[in-house]
Amino acid sequence: MNKFYFVLSTIFITSCSSQPIVPDANKVKVSRESPSSDCRDLGVVYGRTLKTIGNLEEEALSDLKENASKKGANFLYLQEYGALGSSVKGIAYSCP
């Protein structure tokens, strides 16, 4: 009987592992406009870069999207960039 449960649980775990646990950061929509009212607020997120040369805003935004996706967000309300563009703040949302 124990072998049966072991095989069954192995099949279940294997079949579930093909689904990504964290959404892809590239699929997080970024906007300066508030999301629709049916979206769920997941909290404030921050992004930053330690680089000093290059497109700092783009690097910080990429980090922000990654952090939002780790919370399960698919929408990001962009709030503000830091003075030098090396940091950014937003609110993560899960929208249907």
N, C-alpha and C. Protein backbone atom coordinates (compact mmCIF):
# COMPACT_ATOMS: atom_id res chain seq x y z
N MET A 1 0.81 -1.18 0.00
CA MET A 1 0.00 0.00 0.00
C MET A 1 0.87 1.27 0.00
N ASN A 2 1.99 1.25 0.75
CA ASN A 2 2.87 2.41 0.80
C ASN A 2 3.49 2.72 -0.56
N LYS A 3 3.80 1.68 -1.34
CA LYS A 3 4.36 1.89 -2.67
C LYS A 3 3.35 2.62 -3.55
N PHE A 4 2.09 2.27 -3.41
CA PHE A 4 1.04 2.92 -4.20
C PHE A 4 1.01 4.42 -3.92
N TYR A 5 1.03 4.82 -2.66
CA TYR A 5 1.01 6.24 -2.29
C TYR A 5 2.28 6.95 -2.74
N PHE A 6 3.40 6.27 -2.66
CA PHE A 6 4.66 6.85 -3.12
C PHE A 6 4.61 7.12 -4.62
N VAL A 7 4.14 6.16 -5.39
CA VAL A 7 4.04 6.33 -6.84
C VAL A 7 3.04 7.44 -7.18
N LEU A 8 1.92 7.43 -6.50
CA LEU A 8 0.89 8.44 -6.74
C LEU A 8 1.40 9.85 -6.41
N SER A 9 2.08 9.99 -5.29
CA SER A 9 2.60 11.31 -4.91
C SER A 9 3.72 11.75 -5.86
N THR A 10 4.53 10.82 -6.35
CA THR A 10 5.59 11.15 -7.30
C THR A 10 5.00 11.65 -8.61
N ILE A 11 3.96 10.99 -9.08
CA ILE A 11 3.29 11.42 -10.31
C ILE A 11 2.68 12.80 -10.12
N PHE A 12 2.05 13.03 -8.99
CA PHE A 12 1.43 14.33 -8.72
C PHE A 12 2.47 15.43 -8.68
N ILE A 13 3.56 15.23 -7.98
CA ILE A 13 4.62 16.24 -7.86
C ILE A 13 5.26 16.50 -9.21
N THR A 14 5.50 15.47 -9.98
CA THR A 14 6.10 15.62 -11.30
C THR A 14 5.20 16.39 -12.24
N SER A 15 3.91 16.09 -12.20
CA SER A 15 2.99 16.79 -13.10
C SER A 15 2.83 18.25 -12.73
N CYS A 16 2.98 18.59 -11.47
CA CYS A 16 2.85 19.98 -11.03
C CYS A 16 4.11 20.78 -11.31
N SER A 17 5.24 20.14 -11.43
CA SER A 17 6.49 20.86 -11.58
C SER A 17 6.64 21.54 -12.93
N SER A 18 5.83 21.21 -13.92
CA SER A 18 5.94 21.85 -15.21
C SER A 18 5.30 23.24 -15.22
N GLN A 19 4.53 23.57 -14.21
CA GLN A 19 3.91 24.88 -14.10
C GLN A 19 4.86 25.82 -13.38
N PRO A 20 5.11 27.03 -13.93
CA PRO A 20 5.97 27.98 -13.21
C PRO A 20 5.29 28.46 -11.94
N ILE A 21 6.06 28.53 -10.87
CA ILE A 21 5.53 28.98 -9.59
C ILE A 21 5.43 30.50 -9.56
N VAL A 22 6.40 31.18 -10.11
CA VAL A 22 6.44 32.64 -10.13
C VAL A 22 6.16 33.11 -11.56
N PRO A 23 5.26 34.07 -11.72
CA PRO A 23 5.00 34.58 -13.06
C PRO A 23 6.27 35.19 -13.68
N ASP A 24 6.31 35.21 -14.99
CA ASP A 24 7.43 35.77 -15.73
C ASP A 24 7.43 37.30 -15.58
N ALA A 25 8.55 37.86 -15.19
CA ALA A 25 8.64 39.31 -15.00
C ALA A 25 8.35 40.08 -16.28
N ASN A 26 8.64 39.48 -17.43
CA ASN A 26 8.38 40.14 -18.70
C ASN A 26 6.89 40.27 -19.00
N LYS A 27 6.06 39.52 -18.30
CA LYS A 27 4.62 39.57 -18.52
C LYS A 27 3.91 40.52 -17.56
N VAL A 28 4.67 41.20 -16.70
CA VAL A 28 4.09 42.17 -15.78
C VAL A 28 3.86 43.47 -16.54
N LYS A 29 2.61 43.90 -16.60
CA LYS A 29 2.27 45.15 -17.28
C LYS A 29 2.59 46.31 -16.35
N VAL A 30 3.26 47.34 -16.88
CA VAL A 30 3.65 48.51 -16.10
C VAL A 30 2.86 49.71 -16.60
N SER A 31 2.30 50.48 -15.66
CA SER A 31 1.52 51.65 -16.02
C SER A 31 1.65 52.74 -14.97
N ARG A 32 1.48 53.97 -15.40
CA ARG A 32 1.44 55.10 -14.46
C ARG A 32 -0.01 55.41 -14.07
N GLU A 33 -0.96 54.65 -14.61
CA GLU A 33 -2.36 54.81 -14.27
C GLU A 33 -2.78 53.69 -13.33
N SER A 34 -3.70 54.01 -12.42
CA SER A 34 -4.18 53.02 -11.46
C SER A 34 -4.85 51.85 -12.17
N PRO A 35 -4.74 50.66 -11.59
CA PRO A 35 -5.40 49.49 -12.20
C PRO A 35 -6.91 49.54 -11.97
N SER A 36 -7.61 48.64 -12.63
CA SER A 36 -9.06 48.56 -12.45
C SER A 36 -9.38 48.12 -11.02
N SER A 37 -10.60 48.36 -10.61
CA SER A 37 -11.01 48.09 -9.22
C SER A 37 -11.07 46.61 -8.88
N ASP A 38 -11.07 45.73 -9.87
CA ASP A 38 -11.12 44.30 -9.58
C ASP A 38 -9.74 43.68 -9.37
N CYS A 39 -8.70 44.51 -9.39
CA CYS A 39 -7.34 44.03 -9.13
C CYS A 39 -7.08 44.01 -7.62
N ARG A 40 -6.27 43.04 -7.20
CA ARG A 40 -5.95 42.89 -5.77
C ARG A 40 -4.57 43.48 -5.49
N ASP A 41 -4.50 44.38 -4.52
CA ASP A 41 -3.26 45.03 -4.12
C ASP A 41 -2.36 44.02 -3.40
N LEU A 42 -1.13 43.86 -3.90
CA LEU A 42 -0.17 42.94 -3.29
C LEU A 42 0.92 43.65 -2.50
N GLY A 43 0.88 44.97 -2.53
CA GLY A 43 1.83 45.73 -1.73
C GLY A 43 2.85 46.50 -2.54
N VAL A 44 3.59 47.31 -1.82
CA VAL A 44 4.63 48.15 -2.42
C VAL A 44 5.84 47.30 -2.77
N VAL A 45 6.45 47.60 -3.92
CA VAL A 45 7.67 46.93 -4.33
C VAL A 45 8.69 47.98 -4.76
N TYR A 46 9.95 47.61 -4.66
CA TYR A 46 11.04 48.50 -5.02
C TYR A 46 11.96 47.82 -6.01
N GLY A 47 12.57 48.61 -6.84
CA GLY A 47 13.58 48.11 -7.77
C GLY A 47 14.78 49.02 -7.71
N ARG A 48 15.95 48.46 -7.99
CA ARG A 48 17.16 49.28 -7.96
C ARG A 48 18.24 48.64 -8.82
N THR A 49 19.23 49.43 -9.11
CA THR A 49 20.42 48.93 -9.79
C THR A 49 21.64 49.49 -9.08
N LEU A 50 22.69 48.72 -9.09
CA LEU A 50 23.94 49.17 -8.48
C LEU A 50 24.90 49.74 -9.51
N LYS A 51 24.47 49.69 -10.78
CA LYS A 51 25.31 50.24 -11.84
C LYS A 51 25.35 51.76 -11.73
N THR A 52 26.43 52.34 -12.25
CA THR A 52 26.56 53.80 -12.25
C THR A 52 26.59 54.37 -13.66
N ILE A 53 26.71 53.49 -14.64
CA ILE A 53 26.77 53.91 -16.04
C ILE A 53 25.73 53.10 -16.82
N GLY A 54 25.11 53.74 -17.78
CA GLY A 54 24.14 53.05 -18.63
C GLY A 54 22.73 53.54 -18.36
N ASN A 55 21.78 52.76 -18.80
CA ASN A 55 20.37 53.11 -18.65
C ASN A 55 19.89 52.66 -17.26
N LEU A 56 20.12 53.49 -16.29
CA LEU A 56 19.83 53.14 -14.89
C LEU A 56 18.33 52.92 -14.68
N GLU A 57 17.50 53.76 -15.29
CA GLU A 57 16.05 53.62 -15.12
C GLU A 57 15.55 52.28 -15.64
N GLU A 58 16.09 51.85 -16.76
CA GLU A 58 15.69 50.56 -17.34
C GLU A 58 16.12 49.40 -16.44
N GLU A 59 17.31 49.47 -15.91
CA GLU A 59 17.81 48.44 -14.99
C GLU A 59 16.97 48.38 -13.72
N ALA A 60 16.65 49.54 -13.16
CA ALA A 60 15.85 49.59 -11.94
C ALA A 60 14.43 49.08 -12.21
N LEU A 61 13.87 49.43 -13.36
CA LEU A 61 12.53 48.97 -13.72
C LEU A 61 12.51 47.45 -13.90
N SER A 62 13.55 46.90 -14.49
CA SER A 62 13.65 45.45 -14.65
C SER A 62 13.66 44.75 -13.29
N ASP A 63 14.41 45.30 -12.34
CA ASP A 63 14.46 44.75 -10.99
C ASP A 63 13.10 44.87 -10.31
N LEU A 64 12.42 46.00 -10.52
CA LEU A 64 11.09 46.21 -9.96
C LEU A 64 10.10 45.17 -10.48
N LYS A 65 10.12 44.92 -11.78
CA LYS A 65 9.22 43.93 -12.38
C LYS A 65 9.51 42.53 -11.85
N GLU A 66 10.77 42.22 -11.65
CA GLU A 66 11.15 40.92 -11.09
C GLU A 66 10.62 40.77 -9.67
N ASN A 67 10.76 41.80 -8.87
CA ASN A 67 10.26 41.76 -7.49
C ASN A 67 8.74 41.68 -7.45
N ALA A 68 8.07 42.37 -8.36
CA ALA A 68 6.61 42.30 -8.43
C ALA A 68 6.15 40.91 -8.83
N SER A 69 6.84 40.31 -9.79
CA SER A 69 6.45 38.96 -10.23
C SER A 69 6.64 37.93 -9.13
N LYS A 70 7.63 38.13 -8.27
CA LYS A 70 7.85 37.22 -7.14
C LYS A 70 6.69 37.26 -6.15
N LYS A 71 5.96 38.38 -6.13
CA LYS A 71 4.78 38.50 -5.27
C LYS A 71 3.53 37.94 -5.96
N GLY A 72 3.67 37.55 -7.21
CA GLY A 72 2.53 37.02 -7.96
C GLY A 72 1.79 38.08 -8.76
N ALA A 73 2.41 39.23 -8.97
CA ALA A 73 1.76 40.34 -9.68
C ALA A 73 1.81 40.15 -11.19
N ASN A 74 0.79 40.68 -11.84
CA ASN A 74 0.79 40.76 -13.30
C ASN A 74 0.55 42.20 -13.76
N PHE A 75 0.42 43.12 -12.80
CA PHE A 75 0.25 44.55 -13.08
C PHE A 75 1.06 45.33 -12.06
N LEU A 76 1.69 46.39 -12.54
CA LEU A 76 2.54 47.21 -11.68
C LEU A 76 2.21 48.67 -11.89
N TYR A 77 1.75 49.32 -10.83
CA TYR A 77 1.46 50.74 -10.85
C TYR A 77 2.73 51.48 -10.48
N LEU A 78 3.34 52.12 -11.47
CA LEU A 78 4.61 52.80 -11.29
C LEU A 78 4.39 54.12 -10.56
N GLN A 79 5.08 54.32 -9.44
CA GLN A 79 4.87 55.53 -8.65
C GLN A 79 5.96 56.57 -8.85
N GLU A 80 7.23 56.19 -8.59
CA GLU A 80 8.28 57.20 -8.69
C GLU A 80 9.67 56.59 -8.84
N TYR A 81 10.53 57.36 -9.53
CA TYR A 81 11.94 57.02 -9.65
C TYR A 81 12.72 57.84 -8.64
N GLY A 82 13.85 57.29 -8.20
CA GLY A 82 14.74 58.04 -7.33
C GLY A 82 15.41 59.16 -8.12
N ALA A 83 16.10 60.03 -7.42
CA ALA A 83 16.71 61.22 -8.03
C ALA A 83 17.66 60.89 -9.18
N LEU A 84 18.45 59.85 -9.05
CA LEU A 84 19.41 59.51 -10.09
C LEU A 84 18.89 58.44 -11.06
N GLY A 85 17.69 57.95 -10.83
CA GLY A 85 17.13 56.93 -11.70
C GLY A 85 17.58 55.52 -11.38
N SER A 86 18.35 55.36 -10.32
CA SER A 86 18.85 54.03 -9.98
C SER A 86 17.91 53.26 -9.06
N SER A 87 16.80 53.88 -8.68
CA SER A 87 15.79 53.19 -7.87
C SER A 87 14.41 53.60 -8.34
N VAL A 88 13.44 52.72 -8.08
CA VAL A 88 12.06 52.97 -8.51
C VAL A 88 11.11 52.29 -7.53
N LYS A 89 9.93 52.88 -7.38
CA LYS A 89 8.93 52.36 -6.44
C LYS A 89 7.62 52.18 -7.19
N GLY A 90 6.90 51.12 -6.83
CA GLY A 90 5.60 50.88 -7.43
C GLY A 90 4.74 50.03 -6.51
N ILE A 91 3.50 49.81 -6.94
CA ILE A 91 2.57 48.94 -6.21
C ILE A 91 2.23 47.76 -7.11
N ALA A 92 2.39 46.56 -6.58
CA ALA A 92 2.11 45.34 -7.32
C ALA A 92 0.64 44.95 -7.18
N TYR A 93 0.05 44.47 -8.26
CA TYR A 93 -1.35 44.05 -8.28
C TYR A 93 -1.49 42.73 -9.00
N SER A 94 -2.48 41.98 -8.61
CA SER A 94 -2.88 40.78 -9.32
C SER A 94 -4.24 41.08 -9.94
N CYS A 95 -4.29 41.09 -11.26
CA CYS A 95 -5.52 41.45 -11.97
C CYS A 95 -6.02 40.25 -12.76
N PRO A 96 -7.35 40.11 -12.86
CA PRO A 96 -7.90 38.99 -13.63
C PRO A 96 -7.65 39.14 -15.12
